[in-house]
Amino acid sequence: MRALRSLTKLTLVTLFSVALAACTSTTGKTVGENVDDSTITSEVKAKLAAEKVSTLTKIGVETDRRTVYLTGTVDNTEMRSRAEQVARSVKHVSGVVNNLTVRAQ
């Protein structure tokens, strides 16, 4: 009976390890990195929404290894700069790639 319990525990640990390895290999990032990136993305989106400028809430935000990528179209260069400032102000952001375009007037 004791051998069966040990085998069951070993099987569960092995399955858990394989599952974690699979998560890492599919994205190239660890589980912790995925969680960090998701948290950063959420915080940037929340701060942009808090700016109360409707265009800033329509900005696409993606995070990869703590680098934030901003995409979309804004009304003017001030909004473009402000969105980048907001993204840089979020804790743990290592860089911002500002791919926002300014709408032609």
PDB file of N, CA and C in Angstrom:
ATOM      1  N   MET A   1       0.812  -1.182   0.000  1.00  0.00           N
ATOM      2  CA  MET A   1       0.000   0.000   0.000  1.00  0.00           C
ATOM      3  C   MET A   1       0.864   1.257   0.000  1.00  0.00           C
ATOM      4  N   ARG A   2       1.937   1.215   0.793  1.00  0.00           N
ATOM      5  CA  ARG A   2       2.846   2.357   0.882  1.00  0.00           C
ATOM      6  C   ARG A   2       3.524   2.604  -0.467  1.00  0.00           C
ATOM      7  N   ALA A   3       3.869   1.545  -1.161  1.00  0.00           N
ATOM      8  CA  ALA A   3       4.507   1.678  -2.472  1.00  0.00           C
ATOM      9  C   ALA A   3       3.547   2.310  -3.470  1.00  0.00           C
ATOM     10  N   LEU A   4       2.278   1.991  -3.377  1.00  0.00           N
ATOM     11  CA  LEU A   4       1.261   2.563  -4.272  1.00  0.00           C
ATOM     12  C   LEU A   4       1.109   4.069  -4.033  1.00  0.00           C
ATOM     13  N   ARG A   5       1.128   4.474  -2.780  1.00  0.00           N
ATOM     14  CA  ARG A   5       1.048   5.908  -2.471  1.00  0.00           C
ATOM     15  C   ARG A   5       2.263   6.652  -3.002  1.00  0.00           C
ATOM     16  N   SER A   6       3.428   6.077  -2.835  1.00  0.00           N
ATOM     17  CA  SER A   6       4.657   6.714  -3.339  1.00  0.00           C
ATOM     18  C   SER A   6       4.616   6.823  -4.849  1.00  0.00           C
ATOM     19  N   LEU A   7       4.143   5.800  -5.501  1.00  0.00           N
ATOM     20  CA  LEU A   7       4.035   5.812  -6.955  1.00  0.00           C
ATOM     21  C   LEU A   7       3.026   6.867  -7.412  1.00  0.00           C
ATOM     22  N   THR A   8       1.912   6.987  -6.703  1.00  0.00           N
ATOM     23  CA  THR A   8       0.900   7.987  -7.033  1.00  0.00           C
ATOM     24  C   THR A   8       1.471   9.392  -6.869  1.00  0.00           C
ATOM     25  N   LYS A   9       2.165   9.649  -5.793  1.00  0.00           N
ATOM     26  CA  LYS A   9       2.779  10.961  -5.556  1.00  0.00           C
ATOM     27  C   LYS A   9       3.807  11.273  -6.641  1.00  0.00           C
ATOM     28  N   LEU A  10       4.616  10.299  -6.974  1.00  0.00           N
ATOM     29  CA  LEU A  10       5.637  10.493  -8.006  1.00  0.00           C
ATOM     30  C   LEU A  10       4.982  10.786  -9.347  1.00  0.00           C
ATOM     31  N   THR A  11       3.898  10.098  -9.656  1.00  0.00           N
ATOM     32  CA  THR A  11       3.173  10.323 -10.903  1.00  0.00           C
ATOM     33  C   THR A  11       2.600  11.729 -10.952  1.00  0.00           C
ATOM     34  N   LEU A  12       2.002  12.178  -9.860  1.00  0.00           N
ATOM     35  CA  LEU A  12       1.436  13.519  -9.808  1.00  0.00           C
ATOM     36  C   LEU A  12       2.515  14.593  -9.960  1.00  0.00           C
ATOM     37  N   VAL A  13       3.627  14.416  -9.301  1.00  0.00           N
ATOM     38  CA  VAL A  13       4.729  15.374  -9.416  1.00  0.00           C
ATOM     39  C   VAL A  13       5.260  15.402 -10.851  1.00  0.00           C
ATOM     40  N   THR A  14       5.371  14.262 -11.450  1.00  0.00           N
ATOM     41  CA  THR A  14       5.850  14.183 -12.833  1.00  0.00           C
ATOM     42  C   THR A  14       4.880  14.874 -13.778  1.00  0.00           C
ATOM     43  N   LEU A  15       3.589  14.606 -13.634  1.00  0.00           N
ATOM     44  CA  LEU A  15       2.591  15.251 -14.488  1.00  0.00           C
ATOM     45  C   LEU A  15       2.600  16.766 -14.317  1.00  0.00           C
ATOM     46  N   PHE A  16       2.714  17.231 -13.087  1.00  0.00           N
ATOM     47  CA  PHE A  16       2.770  18.661 -12.822  1.00  0.00           C
ATOM     48  C   PHE A  16       4.009  19.282 -13.469  1.00  0.00           C
ATOM     49  N   SER A  17       5.133  18.611 -13.362  1.00  0.00           N
ATOM     50  CA  SER A  17       6.372  19.115 -13.962  1.00  0.00           C
ATOM     51  C   SER A  17       6.270  19.179 -15.482  1.00  0.00           C
ATOM     52  N   VAL A  18       5.687  18.169 -16.075  1.00  0.00           N
ATOM     53  CA  VAL A  18       5.508  18.147 -17.523  1.00  0.00           C
ATOM     54  C   VAL A  18       4.574  19.266 -17.964  1.00  0.00           C
ATOM     55  N   ALA A  19       3.505  19.491 -17.200  1.00  0.00           N
ATOM     56  CA  ALA A  19       2.560  20.555 -17.537  1.00  0.00           C
ATOM     57  C   ALA A  19       3.241  21.919 -17.472  1.00  0.00           C
ATOM     58  N   LEU A  20       4.043  22.155 -16.455  1.00  0.00           N
ATOM     59  CA  LEU A  20       4.771  23.425 -16.359  1.00  0.00           C
ATOM     60  C   LEU A  20       5.773  23.583 -17.499  1.00  0.00           C
ATOM     61  N   ALA A  21       6.450  22.525 -17.827  1.00  0.00           N
ATOM     62  CA  ALA A  21       7.407  22.584 -18.929  1.00  0.00           C
ATOM     63  C   ALA A  21       6.690  22.862 -20.244  1.00  0.00           C
ATOM     64  N   ALA A  22       5.515  22.295 -20.421  1.00  0.00           N
ATOM     65  CA  ALA A  22       4.752  22.528 -21.647  1.00  0.00           C
ATOM     66  C   ALA A  22       4.318  23.987 -21.742  1.00  0.00           C
ATOM     67  N   CYS A  23       3.913  24.560 -20.626  1.00  0.00           N
ATOM     68  CA  CYS A  23       3.519  25.977 -20.629  1.00  0.00           C
ATOM     69  C   CYS A  23       4.696  26.864 -21.005  1.00  0.00           C
ATOM     70  N   THR A  24       5.846  26.548 -20.491  1.00  0.00           N
ATOM     71  CA  THR A  24       7.033  27.337 -20.786  1.00  0.00           C
ATOM     72  C   THR A  24       7.438  27.181 -22.244  1.00  0.00           C
ATOM     73  N   SER A  25       7.366  25.957 -22.758  1.00  0.00           N
ATOM     74  CA  SER A  25       7.849  25.734 -24.116  1.00  0.00           C
ATOM     75  C   SER A  25       6.915  26.313 -25.180  1.00  0.00           C
ATOM     76  N   THR A  26       5.630  26.435 -24.908  1.00  0.00           N
ATOM     77  CA  THR A  26       4.723  26.948 -25.931  1.00  0.00           C
ATOM     78  C   THR A  26       4.866  28.453 -26.121  1.00  0.00           C
ATOM     79  N   THR A  27       5.150  29.178 -25.062  1.00  0.00           N
ATOM     80  CA  THR A  27       5.277  30.629 -25.175  1.00  0.00           C
ATOM     81  C   THR A  27       6.721  31.088 -25.105  1.00  0.00           C
ATOM     82  N   GLY A  28       7.599  30.235 -24.637  1.00  0.00           N
ATOM     83  CA  GLY A  28       8.984  30.630 -24.452  1.00  0.00           C
ATOM     84  C   GLY A  28       9.189  31.418 -23.175  1.00  0.00           C
ATOM     85  N   LYS A  29       8.136  31.535 -22.371  1.00  0.00           N
ATOM     86  CA  LYS A  29       8.220  32.274 -21.121  1.00  0.00           C
ATOM     87  C   LYS A  29       7.786  31.370 -19.978  1.00  0.00           C
ATOM     88  N   THR A  30       8.277  31.684 -18.793  1.00  0.00           N
ATOM     89  CA  THR A  30       7.858  30.924 -17.620  1.00  0.00           C
ATOM     90  C   THR A  30       6.454  31.350 -17.212  1.00  0.00           C
ATOM     91  N   VAL A  31       5.853  30.574 -16.336  1.00  0.00           N
ATOM     92  CA  VAL A  31       4.524  30.898 -15.838  1.00  0.00           C
ATOM     93  C   VAL A  31       4.555  32.262 -15.142  1.00  0.00           C
ATOM     94  N   GLY A  32       5.594  32.507 -14.371  1.00  0.00           N
ATOM     95  CA  GLY A  32       5.732  33.787 -13.681  1.00  0.00           C
ATOM     96  C   GLY A  32       5.823  34.956 -14.638  1.00  0.00           C
ATOM     97  N   GLU A  33       6.559  34.785 -15.739  1.00  0.00           N
ATOM     98  CA  GLU A  33       6.664  35.854 -16.742  1.00  0.00           C
ATOM     99  C   GLU A  33       5.315  36.124 -17.391  1.00  0.00           C
ATOM    100  N   ASN A  34       4.562  35.057 -17.664  1.00  0.00           N
ATOM    101  CA  ASN A  34       3.223  35.240 -18.242  1.00  0.00           C
ATOM    102  C   ASN A  34       2.318  36.013 -17.295  1.00  0.00           C
ATOM    103  N   VAL A  35       2.379  35.693 -16.019  1.00  0.00           N
ATOM    104  CA  VAL A  35       1.555  36.382 -15.025  1.00  0.00           C
ATOM    105  C   VAL A  35       1.991  37.838 -14.914  1.00  0.00           C
ATOM    106  N   ASP A  36       3.305  38.093 -14.864  1.00  0.00           N
ATOM    107  CA  ASP A  36       3.810  39.460 -14.785  1.00  0.00           C
ATOM    108  C   ASP A  36       3.347  40.285 -15.984  1.00  0.00           C
ATOM    109  N   ASP A  37       3.474  39.724 -17.173  1.00  0.00           N
ATOM    110  CA  ASP A  37       3.068  40.443 -18.381  1.00  0.00           C
ATOM    111  C   ASP A  37       1.573  40.745 -18.380  1.00  0.00           C
ATOM    112  N   SER A  38       0.772  39.809 -17.941  1.00  0.00           N
ATOM    113  CA  SER A  38      -0.676  40.033 -17.871  1.00  0.00           C
ATOM    114  C   SER A  38      -1.013  41.123 -16.868  1.00  0.00           C
ATOM    115  N   THR A  39      -0.328  41.116 -15.743  1.00  0.00           N
ATOM    116  CA  THR A  39      -0.553  42.134 -14.722  1.00  0.00           C
ATOM    117  C   THR A  39      -0.171  43.513 -15.241  1.00  0.00           C
ATOM    118  N   ILE A  40       0.963  43.606 -15.902  1.00  0.00           N
ATOM    119  CA  ILE A  40       1.414  44.882 -16.457  1.00  0.00           C
ATOM    120  C   ILE A  40       0.409  45.387 -17.485  1.00  0.00           C
ATOM    121  N   THR A  41      -0.036  44.514 -18.381  1.00  0.00           N
ATOM    122  CA  THR A  41      -1.008  44.906 -19.400  1.00  0.00           C
ATOM    123  C   THR A  41      -2.271  45.451 -18.753  1.00  0.00           C
ATOM    124  N   SER A  42      -2.767  44.762 -17.743  1.00  0.00           N
ATOM    125  CA  SER A  42      -3.983  45.205 -17.050  1.00  0.00           C
ATOM    126  C   SER A  42      -3.787  46.561 -16.392  1.00  0.00           C
ATOM    127  N   GLU A  43      -2.635  46.760 -15.767  1.00  0.00           N
ATOM    128  CA  GLU A  43      -2.383  48.036 -15.090  1.00  0.00           C
ATOM    129  C   GLU A  43      -2.258  49.184 -16.084  1.00  0.00           C
ATOM    130  N   VAL A  44      -1.607  48.945 -17.210  1.00  0.00           N
ATOM    131  CA  VAL A  44      -1.486  49.995 -18.226  1.00  0.00           C
ATOM    132  C   VAL A  44      -2.869  50.357 -18.762  1.00  0.00           C
ATOM    133  N   LYS A  45      -3.684  49.351 -19.079  1.00  0.00           N
ATOM    134  CA  LYS A  45      -5.035  49.612 -19.589  1.00  0.00           C
ATOM    135  C   LYS A  45      -5.863  50.390 -18.573  1.00  0.00           C
ATOM    136  N   ALA A  46      -5.756  50.034 -17.305  1.00  0.00           N
ATOM    137  CA  ALA A  46      -6.519  50.729 -16.263  1.00  0.00           C
ATOM    138  C   ALA A  46      -6.084  52.186 -16.145  1.00  0.00           C
ATOM    139  N   LYS A  47      -4.785  52.421 -16.215  1.00  0.00           N
ATOM    140  CA  LYS A  47      -4.293  53.803 -16.115  1.00  0.00           C
ATOM    141  C   LYS A  47      -4.690  54.620 -17.341  1.00  0.00           C
ATOM    142  N   LEU A  48      -4.674  54.013 -18.511  1.00  0.00           N
ATOM    143  CA  LEU A  48      -5.113  54.728 -19.709  1.00  0.00           C
ATOM    144  C   LEU A  48      -6.602  55.068 -19.599  1.00  0.00           C
ATOM    145  N   ALA A  49      -7.392  54.141 -19.089  1.00  0.00           N
ATOM    146  CA  ALA A  49      -8.825  54.388 -18.927  1.00  0.00           C
ATOM    147  C   ALA A  49      -9.078  55.495 -17.906  1.00  0.00           C
ATOM    148  N   ALA A  50      -8.239  55.580 -16.904  1.00  0.00           N
ATOM    149  CA  ALA A  50      -8.401  56.602 -15.871  1.00  0.00           C
ATOM    150  C   ALA A  50      -8.072  57.999 -16.379  1.00  0.00           C
ATOM    151  N   GLU A  51      -7.414  58.081 -17.515  1.00  0.00           N
ATOM    152  CA  GLU A  51      -7.052  59.383 -18.089  1.00  0.00           C
ATOM    153  C   GLU A  51      -8.269  60.156 -18.586  1.00  0.00           C
ATOM    154  N   LYS A  52      -9.392  59.486 -18.748  1.00  0.00           N
ATOM    155  CA  LYS A  52     -10.652  60.117 -19.163  1.00  0.00           C
ATOM    156  C   LYS A  52     -10.594  60.750 -20.555  1.00  0.00           C
ATOM    157  N   VAL A  53      -9.692  60.303 -21.370  1.00  0.00           N
ATOM    158  CA  VAL A  53      -9.647  60.747 -22.766  1.00  0.00           C
ATOM    159  C   VAL A  53     -10.070  59.528 -23.583  1.00  0.00           C
ATOM    160  N   SER A  54     -11.185  59.641 -24.300  1.00  0.00           N
ATOM    161  CA  SER A  54     -11.772  58.466 -24.953  1.00  0.00           C
ATOM    162  C   SER A  54     -10.808  57.765 -25.900  1.00  0.00           C
ATOM    163  N   THR A  55      -9.956  58.502 -26.571  1.00  0.00           N
ATOM    164  CA  THR A  55      -9.029  57.882 -27.508  1.00  0.00           C
ATOM    165  C   THR A  55      -8.030  56.972 -26.797  1.00  0.00           C
ATOM    166  N   LEU A  56      -7.620  57.338 -25.597  1.00  0.00           N
ATOM    167  CA  LEU A  56      -6.636  56.530 -24.880  1.00  0.00           C
ATOM    168  C   LEU A  56      -7.186  55.173 -24.478  1.00  0.00           C
ATOM    169  N   THR A  57      -8.486  55.059 -24.317  1.00  0.00           N
ATOM    170  CA  THR A  57      -9.061  53.764 -23.953  1.00  0.00           C
ATOM    171  C   THR A  57      -9.122  52.819 -25.154  1.00  0.00           C
ATOM    172  N   LYS A  58      -8.910  53.330 -26.346  1.00  0.00           N
ATOM    173  CA  LYS A  58      -8.961  52.506 -27.557  1.00  0.00           C
ATOM    174  C   LYS A  58      -7.574  52.034 -27.990  1.00  0.00           C
ATOM    175  N   ILE A  59      -6.573  52.294 -27.191  1.00  0.00           N
ATOM    176  CA  ILE A  59      -5.208  51.903 -27.511  1.00  0.00           C
ATOM    177  C   ILE A  59      -5.023  50.422 -27.200  1.00  0.00           C
ATOM    178  N   GLY A  60      -4.388  49.719 -28.135  1.00  0.00           N
ATOM    179  CA  GLY A  60      -4.060  48.319 -27.902  1.00  0.00           C
ATOM    180  C   GLY A  60      -2.808  48.217 -27.048  1.00  0.00           C
ATOM    181  N   VAL A  61      -2.847  47.358 -26.050  1.00  0.00           N
ATOM    182  CA  VAL A  61      -1.711  47.180 -25.140  1.00  0.00           C
ATOM    183  C   VAL A  61      -1.353  45.707 -25.088  1.00  0.00           C
ATOM    184  N   GLU A  62      -0.118  45.399 -25.385  1.00  0.00           N
ATOM    185  CA  GLU A  62       0.415  44.039 -25.267  1.00  0.00           C
ATOM    186  C   GLU A  62       1.719  44.133 -24.492  1.00  0.00           C
ATOM    187  N   THR A  63       2.033  43.105 -23.720  1.00  0.00           N
ATOM    188  CA  THR A  63       3.277  43.092 -22.952  1.00  0.00           C
ATOM    189  C   THR A  63       3.997  41.783 -23.213  1.00  0.00           C
ATOM    190  N   ASP A  64       5.288  41.890 -23.470  1.00  0.00           N
ATOM    191  CA  ASP A  64       6.133  40.717 -23.674  1.00  0.00           C
ATOM    192  C   ASP A  64       7.440  40.933 -22.931  1.00  0.00           C
ATOM    193  N   ARG A  65       7.658  40.107 -21.924  1.00  0.00           N
ATOM    194  CA  ARG A  65       8.860  40.189 -21.101  1.00  0.00           C
ATOM    195  C   ARG A  65       9.085  41.601 -20.558  1.00  0.00           C
ATOM    196  N   ARG A  66       8.022  42.159 -20.016  1.00  0.00           N
ATOM    197  CA  ARG A  66       8.000  43.466 -19.354  1.00  0.00           C
ATOM    198  C   ARG A  66       8.180  44.656 -20.296  1.00  0.00           C
ATOM    199  N   THR A  67       8.138  44.414 -21.590  1.00  0.00           N
ATOM    200  CA  THR A  67       8.151  45.504 -22.566  1.00  0.00           C
ATOM    201  C   THR A  67       6.726  45.683 -23.058  1.00  0.00           C
ATOM    202  N   VAL A  68       6.223  46.917 -22.959  1.00  0.00           N
ATOM    203  CA  VAL A  68       4.847  47.220 -23.342  1.00  0.00           C
ATOM    204  C   VAL A  68       4.827  47.726 -24.778  1.00  0.00           C
ATOM    205  N   TYR A  69       3.918  47.190 -25.578  1.00  0.00           N
ATOM    206  CA  TYR A  69       3.746  47.591 -26.974  1.00  0.00           C
ATOM    207  C   TYR A  69       2.398  48.290 -27.107  1.00  0.00           C
ATOM    208  N   LEU A  70       2.428  49.549 -27.533  1.00  0.00           N
ATOM    209  CA  LEU A  70       1.205  50.328 -27.716  1.00  0.00           C
ATOM    210  C   LEU A  70       0.879  50.396 -29.201  1.00  0.00           C
ATOM    211  N   THR A  71      -0.365  50.103 -29.569  1.00  0.00           N
ATOM    212  CA  THR A  71      -0.783  50.159 -30.968  1.00  0.00           C
ATOM    213  C   THR A  71      -2.116  50.885 -31.075  1.00  0.00           C
ATOM    214  N   GLY A  72      -2.372  51.415 -32.250  1.00  0.00           N
ATOM    215  CA  GLY A  72      -3.635  52.086 -32.493  1.00  0.00           C
ATOM    216  C   GLY A  72      -3.421  53.480 -33.041  1.00  0.00           C
ATOM    217  N   THR A  73      -4.488  54.247 -33.056  1.00  0.00           N
ATOM    218  CA  THR A  73      -4.462  55.605 -33.601  1.00  0.00           C
ATOM    219  C   THR A  73      -4.983  56.573 -32.548  1.00  0.00           C
ATOM    220  N   VAL A  74      -4.284  57.685 -32.392  1.00  0.00           N
ATOM    221  CA  VAL A  74      -4.709  58.736 -31.458  1.00  0.00           C
ATOM    222  C   VAL A  74      -4.909  60.032 -32.237  1.00  0.00           C
ATOM    223  N   ASP A  75      -5.556  61.008 -31.595  1.00  0.00           N
ATOM    224  CA  ASP A  75      -5.910  62.253 -32.270  1.00  0.00           C
ATOM    225  C   ASP A  75      -4.742  63.205 -32.499  1.00  0.00           C
ATOM    226  N   ASN A  76      -3.758  63.214 -31.583  1.00  0.00           N
ATOM    227  CA  ASN A  76      -2.653  64.167 -31.728  1.00  0.00           C
ATOM    228  C   ASN A  76      -1.381  63.647 -31.057  1.00  0.00           C
ATOM    229  N   THR A  77      -0.291  64.377 -31.275  1.00  0.00           N
ATOM    230  CA  THR A  77       1.002  63.933 -30.740  1.00  0.00           C
ATOM    231  C   THR A  77       1.047  63.990 -29.214  1.00  0.00           C
ATOM    232  N   GLU A  78       0.276  64.895 -28.620  1.00  0.00           N
ATOM    233  CA  GLU A  78       0.239  64.976 -27.157  1.00  0.00           C
ATOM    234  C   GLU A  78      -0.342  63.692 -26.563  1.00  0.00           C
ATOM    235  N   MET A  79      -1.393  63.180 -27.191  1.00  0.00           N
ATOM    236  CA  MET A  79      -2.003  61.933 -26.707  1.00  0.00           C
ATOM    237  C   MET A  79      -1.035  60.757 -26.887  1.00  0.00           C
ATOM    238  N   ARG A  80      -0.312  60.784 -27.971  1.00  0.00           N
ATOM    239  CA  ARG A  80       0.682  59.729 -28.226  1.00  0.00           C
ATOM    240  C   ARG A  80       1.732  59.732 -27.131  1.00  0.00           C
ATOM    241  N   SER A  81       2.241  60.901 -26.805  1.00  0.00           N
ATOM    242  CA  SER A  81       3.256  61.034 -25.761  1.00  0.00           C
ATOM    243  C   SER A  81       2.694  60.678 -24.392  1.00  0.00           C
ATOM    244  N   ARG A  82       1.470  61.108 -24.120  1.00  0.00           N
ATOM    245  CA  ARG A  82       0.851  60.840 -22.824  1.00  0.00           C
ATOM    246  C   ARG A  82       0.642  59.346 -22.614  1.00  0.00           C
ATOM    247  N   ALA A  83       0.227  58.652 -23.648  1.00  0.00           N
ATOM    248  CA  ALA A  83       0.029  57.206 -23.535  1.00  0.00           C
ATOM    249  C   ALA A  83       1.346  56.510 -23.193  1.00  0.00           C
ATOM    250  N   GLU A  84       2.424  56.952 -23.807  1.00  0.00           N
ATOM    251  CA  GLU A  84       3.732  56.367 -23.516  1.00  0.00           C
ATOM    252  C   GLU A  84       4.141  56.662 -22.076  1.00  0.00           C
ATOM    253  N   GLN A  85       3.904  57.886 -21.614  1.00  0.00           N
ATOM    254  CA  GLN A  85       4.226  58.247 -20.231  1.00  0.00           C
ATOM    255  C   GLN A  85       3.458  57.382 -19.242  1.00  0.00           C
ATOM    256  N   VAL A  86       2.191  57.183 -19.536  1.00  0.00           N
ATOM    257  CA  VAL A  86       1.356  56.360 -18.658  1.00  0.00           C
ATOM    258  C   VAL A  86       1.910  54.941 -18.596  1.00  0.00           C
ATOM    259  N   ALA A  87       2.251  54.376 -19.738  1.00  0.00           N
ATOM    260  CA  ALA A  87       2.781  53.010 -19.775  1.00  0.00           C
ATOM    261  C   ALA A  87       4.098  52.915 -19.006  1.00  0.00           C
ATOM    262  N   ARG A  88       4.960  53.889 -19.164  1.00  0.00           N
ATOM    263  CA  ARG A  88       6.254  53.883 -18.465  1.00  0.00           C
ATOM    264  C   ARG A  88       6.092  54.019 -16.951  1.00  0.00           C
ATOM    265  N   SER A  89       4.982  54.615 -16.509  1.00  0.00           N
ATOM    266  CA  SER A  89       4.776  54.842 -15.075  1.00  0.00           C
ATOM    267  C   SER A  89       4.363  53.581 -14.319  1.00  0.00           C
ATOM    268  N   VAL A  90       4.007  52.538 -15.035  1.00  0.00           N
ATOM    269  CA  VAL A  90       3.567  51.297 -14.383  1.00  0.00           C
ATOM    270  C   VAL A  90       4.778  50.544 -13.850  1.00  0.00           C
ATOM    271  N   LYS A  91       4.644  50.072 -12.631  1.00  0.00           N
ATOM    272  CA  LYS A  91       5.720  49.345 -11.964  1.00  0.00           C
ATOM    273  C   LYS A  91       6.117  48.101 -12.760  1.00  0.00           C
ATOM    274  N   HIS A  92       7.385  47.833 -12.836  1.00  0.00           N
ATOM    275  CA  HIS A  92       7.996  46.660 -13.479  1.00  0.00           C
ATOM    276  C   HIS A  92       8.070  46.746 -15.003  1.00  0.00           C
ATOM    277  N   VAL A  93       7.680  47.868 -15.598  1.00  0.00           N
ATOM    278  CA  VAL A  93       7.805  48.014 -17.050  1.00  0.00           C
ATOM    279  C   VAL A  93       9.267  48.329 -17.355  1.00  0.00           C
ATOM    280  N   SER A  94       9.872  47.521 -18.227  1.00  0.00           N
ATOM    281  CA  SER A  94      11.280  47.744 -18.555  1.00  0.00           C
ATOM    282  C   SER A  94      11.449  48.598 -19.807  1.00  0.00           C
ATOM    283  N   GLY A  95      10.414  48.674 -20.635  1.00  0.00           N
ATOM    284  CA  GLY A  95      10.488  49.484 -21.840  1.00  0.00           C
ATOM    285  C   GLY A  95       9.124  49.625 -22.489  1.00  0.00           C
ATOM    286  N   VAL A  96       9.018  50.632 -23.353  1.00  0.00           N
ATOM    287  CA  VAL A  96       7.765  50.863 -24.079  1.00  0.00           C
ATOM    288  C   VAL A  96       8.091  51.043 -25.556  1.00  0.00           C
ATOM    289  N   VAL A  97       7.390  50.310 -26.399  1.00  0.00           N
ATOM    290  CA  VAL A  97       7.495  50.479 -27.845  1.00  0.00           C
ATOM    291  C   VAL A  97       6.204  51.160 -28.280  1.00  0.00           C
ATOM    292  N   ASN A  98       6.334  52.413 -28.680  1.00  0.00           N
ATOM    293  CA  ASN A  98       5.172  53.227 -29.015  1.00  0.00           C
ATOM    294  C   ASN A  98       4.917  53.166 -30.519  1.00  0.00           C
ATOM    295  N   ASN A  99       3.993  52.305 -30.917  1.00  0.00           N
ATOM    296  CA  ASN A  99       3.615  52.158 -32.321  1.00  0.00           C
ATOM    297  C   ASN A  99       2.321  52.895 -32.630  1.00  0.00           C
ATOM    298  N   LEU A 100       1.972  53.889 -31.815  1.00  0.00           N
ATOM    299  CA  LEU A 100       0.758  54.663 -32.036  1.00  0.00           C
ATOM    300  C   LEU A 100       0.944  55.596 -33.204  1.00  0.00           C
ATOM    301  N   THR A 101      -0.085  55.712 -34.018  1.00  0.00           N
ATOM    302  CA  THR A 101      -0.055  56.661 -35.123  1.00  0.00           C
ATOM    303  C   THR A 101      -1.007  57.801 -34.826  1.00  0.00           C
ATOM    304  N   VAL A 102      -0.658  58.992 -35.340  1.00  0.00           N
ATOM    305  CA  VAL A 102      -1.482  60.167 -35.131  1.00  0.00           C
ATOM    306  C   VAL A 102      -2.428  60.291 -36.313  1.00  0.00           C
ATOM    307  N   ARG A 103      -3.703  60.429 -36.016  1.00  0.00           N
ATOM    308  CA  ARG A 103      -4.737  60.537 -37.033  1.00  0.00           C
ATOM    309  C   ARG A 103      -4.520  61.806 -37.856  1.00  0.00           C
ATOM    310  N   ALA A 104      -4.615  61.684 -39.163  1.00  0.00           N
ATOM    311  CA  ALA A 104      -4.477  62.844 -40.028  1.00  0.00           C
ATOM    312  C   ALA A 104      -5.669  63.771 -39.837  1.00  0.00           C
ATOM    313  N   GLN A 105      -5.392  65.051 -39.748  1.00  0.00           N
ATOM    314  CA  GLN A 105      -6.465  66.010 -39.461  1.00  0.00           C
ATOM    315  C   GLN A 105      -6.924  66.694 -40.712  1.00  0.00           C
TER     316      GLN A 105
END
